N, C-alpha and C. Protein backbone atom coordinates (compact mmCIF):
# COMPACT_ATOMS: atom_id res chain seq x y z
N UNK A 1 0.85 -1.16 -0.01
CA UNK A 1 0.01 0.00 -0.01
C UNK A 1 0.90 1.24 0.00
N UNK A 2 0.67 2.16 -0.92
CA UNK A 2 1.42 3.38 -0.98
C UNK A 2 0.50 4.53 -0.61
N UNK A 3 1.03 5.44 0.19
CA UNK A 3 0.23 6.61 0.63
C UNK A 3 1.11 7.82 0.63
N UNK A 4 0.61 8.89 0.10
CA UNK A 4 1.32 10.18 0.16
C UNK A 4 0.57 11.08 1.14
N UNK A 5 1.32 11.72 2.01
CA UNK A 5 0.73 12.65 2.97
C UNK A 5 0.99 14.08 2.54
N UNK A 6 0.10 14.95 2.91
CA UNK A 6 0.29 16.38 2.70
C UNK A 6 0.82 16.99 3.99
N UNK A 7 1.44 18.15 3.90
CA UNK A 7 1.93 18.84 5.06
C UNK A 7 0.80 19.08 6.04
N UNK A 8 1.02 18.72 7.29
CA UNK A 8 0.01 18.89 8.32
C UNK A 8 -0.95 17.73 8.47
N UNK A 9 -0.95 16.80 7.52
CA UNK A 9 -1.83 15.63 7.59
C UNK A 9 -1.25 14.60 8.56
N UNK A 10 -2.12 13.99 9.36
CA UNK A 10 -1.70 12.98 10.31
C UNK A 10 -1.22 11.74 9.60
N UNK A 11 -0.09 11.21 10.08
CA UNK A 11 0.44 9.96 9.50
C UNK A 11 -0.28 8.78 10.15
N UNK A 12 -0.40 7.68 9.43
CA UNK A 12 -1.01 6.49 10.03
C UNK A 12 -0.08 5.90 11.10
N UNK A 13 -0.66 5.27 12.07
CA UNK A 13 0.12 4.66 13.14
C UNK A 13 0.99 3.54 12.56
N UNK A 14 2.22 3.46 13.02
CA UNK A 14 3.12 2.39 12.59
C UNK A 14 4.22 2.19 13.61
N UNK A 15 4.85 1.03 13.56
CA UNK A 15 6.02 0.72 14.37
C UNK A 15 7.10 0.26 13.41
N UNK A 16 8.33 0.71 13.65
CA UNK A 16 9.46 0.34 12.81
C UNK A 16 10.64 -0.01 13.70
N UNK A 17 11.64 -0.65 13.14
CA UNK A 17 12.85 -1.01 13.86
C UNK A 17 13.93 -0.02 13.52
N UNK A 18 14.57 0.56 14.56
CA UNK A 18 15.64 1.52 14.30
C UNK A 18 16.96 0.80 14.03
N UNK A 19 18.03 1.56 13.82
CA UNK A 19 19.32 1.00 13.45
C UNK A 19 19.96 0.19 14.58
N UNK A 20 19.44 0.33 15.80
CA UNK A 20 19.93 -0.45 16.93
C UNK A 20 19.10 -1.70 17.19
N UNK A 21 18.07 -1.92 16.38
CA UNK A 21 17.23 -3.09 16.53
C UNK A 21 16.06 -2.89 17.48
N UNK A 22 15.86 -1.66 17.98
CA UNK A 22 14.76 -1.36 18.89
C UNK A 22 13.52 -0.96 18.11
N UNK A 23 12.37 -1.36 18.62
CA UNK A 23 11.13 -0.95 18.01
C UNK A 23 10.80 0.50 18.36
N UNK A 24 10.36 1.27 17.41
CA UNK A 24 9.97 2.67 17.61
C UNK A 24 8.57 2.81 17.05
N UNK A 25 7.66 3.32 17.89
CA UNK A 25 6.27 3.49 17.48
C UNK A 25 5.96 4.97 17.33
N UNK A 26 5.30 5.32 16.26
CA UNK A 26 4.91 6.70 16.06
C UNK A 26 4.01 7.18 17.20
N UNK A 27 3.25 6.28 17.78
CA UNK A 27 2.36 6.59 18.89
C UNK A 27 3.11 7.22 20.08
N UNK A 28 4.38 6.85 20.25
CA UNK A 28 5.19 7.39 21.35
C UNK A 28 5.48 8.87 21.20
N UNK A 29 5.26 9.43 20.02
CA UNK A 29 5.56 10.83 19.77
C UNK A 29 4.31 11.66 19.57
N UNK A 30 3.16 11.15 19.99
CA UNK A 30 1.90 11.84 19.80
C UNK A 30 1.95 13.23 20.46
N UNK A 31 1.55 14.25 19.71
CA UNK A 31 1.53 15.61 20.18
C UNK A 31 2.86 16.33 19.98
N UNK A 32 3.86 15.63 19.43
CA UNK A 32 5.16 16.24 19.19
C UNK A 32 5.40 16.34 17.67
N UNK A 33 6.27 17.24 17.29
CA UNK A 33 6.67 17.32 15.89
C UNK A 33 7.67 16.21 15.60
N UNK A 34 7.47 15.52 14.50
CA UNK A 34 8.35 14.41 14.13
C UNK A 34 8.76 14.56 12.67
N UNK A 35 10.02 14.38 12.42
CA UNK A 35 10.53 14.39 11.05
C UNK A 35 10.90 12.95 10.72
N UNK A 36 10.21 12.39 9.75
CA UNK A 36 10.52 11.04 9.28
C UNK A 36 11.32 11.13 8.00
N UNK A 37 12.41 10.42 7.96
CA UNK A 37 13.26 10.39 6.76
C UNK A 37 13.65 8.94 6.50
N UNK A 38 13.46 8.50 5.30
CA UNK A 38 13.81 7.14 4.91
C UNK A 38 14.85 7.22 3.82
N UNK A 39 15.96 6.50 4.01
CA UNK A 39 17.04 6.53 3.05
C UNK A 39 17.35 5.11 2.58
N UNK A 40 17.85 5.01 1.36
CA UNK A 40 18.10 3.70 0.75
C UNK A 40 19.14 2.90 1.53
N UNK A 41 20.32 3.44 1.70
CA UNK A 41 21.36 2.75 2.43
C UNK A 41 22.49 3.73 2.76
N UNK A 42 23.34 3.35 3.71
CA UNK A 42 24.33 4.28 4.26
C UNK A 42 25.33 4.75 3.23
N UNK A 43 25.61 3.99 2.19
CA UNK A 43 26.63 4.40 1.23
C UNK A 43 26.07 5.19 0.04
N UNK A 44 24.81 5.55 0.10
CA UNK A 44 24.19 6.33 -0.99
C UNK A 44 24.68 7.79 -0.88
N UNK A 45 25.40 8.31 -1.89
CA UNK A 45 25.89 9.68 -1.84
C UNK A 45 24.78 10.72 -1.68
N UNK A 46 23.68 10.56 -2.37
CA UNK A 46 22.56 11.51 -2.26
C UNK A 46 21.98 11.49 -0.87
N UNK A 47 21.82 10.30 -0.30
CA UNK A 47 21.26 10.18 1.06
C UNK A 47 22.20 10.86 2.06
N UNK A 48 23.49 10.62 1.92
CA UNK A 48 24.47 11.23 2.82
C UNK A 48 24.45 12.74 2.72
N UNK A 49 24.26 13.26 1.52
CA UNK A 49 24.19 14.70 1.32
C UNK A 49 22.96 15.27 2.05
N UNK A 50 21.85 14.58 1.94
CA UNK A 50 20.62 15.04 2.61
C UNK A 50 20.77 15.01 4.13
N UNK A 51 21.34 13.92 4.66
CA UNK A 51 21.55 13.78 6.10
C UNK A 51 22.49 14.88 6.57
N UNK A 52 23.56 15.12 5.87
CA UNK A 52 24.49 16.16 6.22
C UNK A 52 23.81 17.53 6.29
N UNK A 53 22.94 17.80 5.34
CA UNK A 53 22.17 19.04 5.33
C UNK A 53 21.28 19.16 6.56
N UNK A 54 20.66 18.06 6.97
CA UNK A 54 19.80 18.08 8.16
C UNK A 54 20.62 18.33 9.42
N UNK A 55 21.79 17.70 9.49
CA UNK A 55 22.64 17.88 10.66
C UNK A 55 23.10 19.34 10.76
N UNK A 56 23.48 19.95 9.65
CA UNK A 56 23.93 21.34 9.64
C UNK A 56 22.83 22.29 10.10
N UNK A 57 21.59 21.93 9.86
CA UNK A 57 20.45 22.81 10.22
C UNK A 57 19.77 22.41 11.51
N UNK A 58 20.37 21.49 12.25
CA UNK A 58 19.76 20.97 13.47
C UNK A 58 19.36 22.08 14.42
N UNK A 59 20.25 23.02 14.71
CA UNK A 59 19.94 24.08 15.66
C UNK A 59 18.72 24.91 15.21
N UNK A 60 18.65 25.17 13.90
CA UNK A 60 17.51 25.90 13.34
C UNK A 60 16.20 25.13 13.55
N UNK A 61 16.23 23.84 13.22
CA UNK A 61 15.03 23.04 13.38
C UNK A 61 14.66 22.91 14.86
N UNK A 62 15.66 22.67 15.70
CA UNK A 62 15.43 22.50 17.13
C UNK A 62 14.82 23.76 17.75
N UNK A 63 15.26 24.93 17.31
CA UNK A 63 14.73 26.18 17.87
C UNK A 63 13.26 26.38 17.51
N UNK A 64 12.78 25.68 16.47
CA UNK A 64 11.40 25.78 16.06
C UNK A 64 10.53 24.69 16.72
N UNK A 65 11.15 23.90 17.54
CA UNK A 65 10.41 22.84 18.25
C UNK A 65 10.34 21.58 17.45
C-alpha cells in the first residue's frame, strides 16, 4: 500500500525497527513534531548529502520545536 501525505496531515500509526534493533512506534511521539526520513542505504551519496544538510540545520530546526 502506498500513501502520500500532505503537510500537516496525520500519519497512520506504525512501528518500525531503528538502526539499533529497537522498535519505535509513532504513537510514542503523539503531540510532538516528528521528522521522518527514509534513506536507501548508508553508502548512498545523495542520502548522505541530505543527512549532512539536516545535521547542519539541526539548531535551526530545534529552535522551532
